[in-house]
Amino acid sequence: MKIGEKLLKHLSKKYAPLDRIAFSFERYDGVMKTDEDGNPILLFLGQATATGDIRGHRFTRVLRKSAEGGILKDHWDYKGKV
């Protein structure tokens, strides 16, 4: 599974630091976790169960910054089904 442009735009925003955010995107339910800067770094996308867990796909973000704060690497890796 590949992340589309619309979802990437949604994931490029800043959110509350060190938080778990549940959202709906088109026909999918999603949960993302953010780092200390408020960038989403972990994404679960699929269908939510009654307990709030997501059955679907897991993605992790590779976000490398230089000492000056510039971004060296920024991409999402597909980690499989959950």
Protein backbone atom coordinates (compact mmCIF):
# COMPACT_ATOMS: atom_id res chain seq x y z
CA MET A 1 0.00 0.00 0.00
CA LYS A 2 1.21 3.48 -0.82
CA ILE A 3 0.37 6.78 0.87
CA GLY A 4 -1.31 9.17 -1.57
CA GLU A 5 -0.78 12.90 -2.01
CA LYS A 6 -3.94 13.87 -0.08
CA LEU A 7 -2.91 11.85 2.95
CA LEU A 8 0.68 13.13 2.77
CA LYS A 9 -0.69 16.68 2.89
CA HIS A 10 -2.66 15.75 6.02
CA LEU A 11 0.45 14.17 7.59
CA SER A 12 2.74 17.12 6.85
CA LYS A 13 0.98 19.35 9.40
CA LYS A 14 2.17 19.88 12.97
CA TYR A 15 0.13 18.42 15.83
CA ALA A 16 0.38 18.27 19.62
CA PRO A 17 3.75 16.85 20.75
CA LEU A 18 3.88 13.24 21.98
CA ASP A 19 0.21 12.62 21.31
CA ARG A 20 -2.00 9.89 19.80
CA ILE A 21 -4.49 11.31 17.31
CA ALA A 22 -7.41 9.37 15.84
CA PHE A 23 -8.89 10.58 12.54
CA SER A 24 -10.96 9.51 9.55
CA PHE A 25 -9.64 9.83 6.03
CA GLU A 26 -11.96 9.05 3.13
CA ARG A 27 -13.05 5.43 3.76
CA TYR A 28 -10.29 4.63 6.28
CA ASP A 29 -9.91 5.13 10.00
CA GLY A 30 -6.49 6.16 11.19
CA VAL A 31 -4.35 6.72 14.25
CA MET A 32 -1.07 8.62 14.26
CA LYS A 33 1.49 9.17 16.96
CA THR A 34 3.64 12.29 17.05
CA ASP A 35 7.19 13.01 18.18
CA GLU A 36 8.39 15.73 20.57
CA ASP A 37 8.19 18.33 17.78
CA GLY A 38 4.60 17.46 16.82
CA ASN A 39 5.46 15.64 13.58
CA PRO A 40 3.53 12.43 12.86
CA ILE A 41 6.00 9.52 12.97
CA LEU A 42 3.78 6.43 13.24
CA LEU A 43 0.60 5.79 11.26
CA PHE A 44 -1.97 3.01 11.44
CA LEU A 45 -4.52 3.09 8.61
CA GLY A 46 -7.47 0.73 8.07
CA GLN A 47 -10.72 -0.09 9.86
CA ALA A 48 -11.21 0.66 13.56
CA THR A 49 -12.39 -2.13 15.85
CA ALA A 50 -14.81 -1.71 18.75
CA THR A 51 -11.88 -1.20 21.15
CA GLY A 52 -10.33 1.53 18.99
CA ASP A 53 -7.52 -0.58 17.54
CA ILE A 54 -6.84 -0.32 13.81
CA ARG A 55 -6.88 -3.38 11.57
CA GLY A 56 -5.04 -2.51 8.38
CA HIS A 57 -1.61 -1.14 7.57
CA ARG A 58 1.29 0.33 9.54
CA PHE A 59 3.66 3.04 8.32
CA THR A 60 6.67 4.66 9.98
CA ARG A 61 8.25 7.97 9.08
CA VAL A 62 11.97 8.47 8.54
CA LEU A 63 12.66 12.08 9.51
CA ARG A 64 16.32 13.03 9.75
CA LYS A 65 17.39 16.57 10.56
CA SER A 66 20.77 18.28 10.39
CA ALA A 67 22.35 20.08 13.33
CA GLU A 68 21.02 23.38 11.96
CA GLY A 69 17.46 22.03 11.84
CA GLY A 70 17.23 21.42 8.09
CA ILE A 71 15.57 18.23 6.88
CA LEU A 72 17.93 15.64 5.37
CA LYS A 73 15.46 12.75 4.89
CA ASP A 74 11.68 12.68 5.08
CA HIS A 75 9.74 9.68 3.78
CA TRP A 76 7.22 7.07 4.92
CA ASP A 77 8.04 3.33 5.01
CA TYR A 78 5.38 0.63 4.77
CA LYS A 79 5.85 -1.88 7.61
CA GLY A 80 3.11 -4.37 6.81
CA LYS A 81 -0.31 -5.35 8.04
CA VAL A 82 -1.50 -5.08 11.64
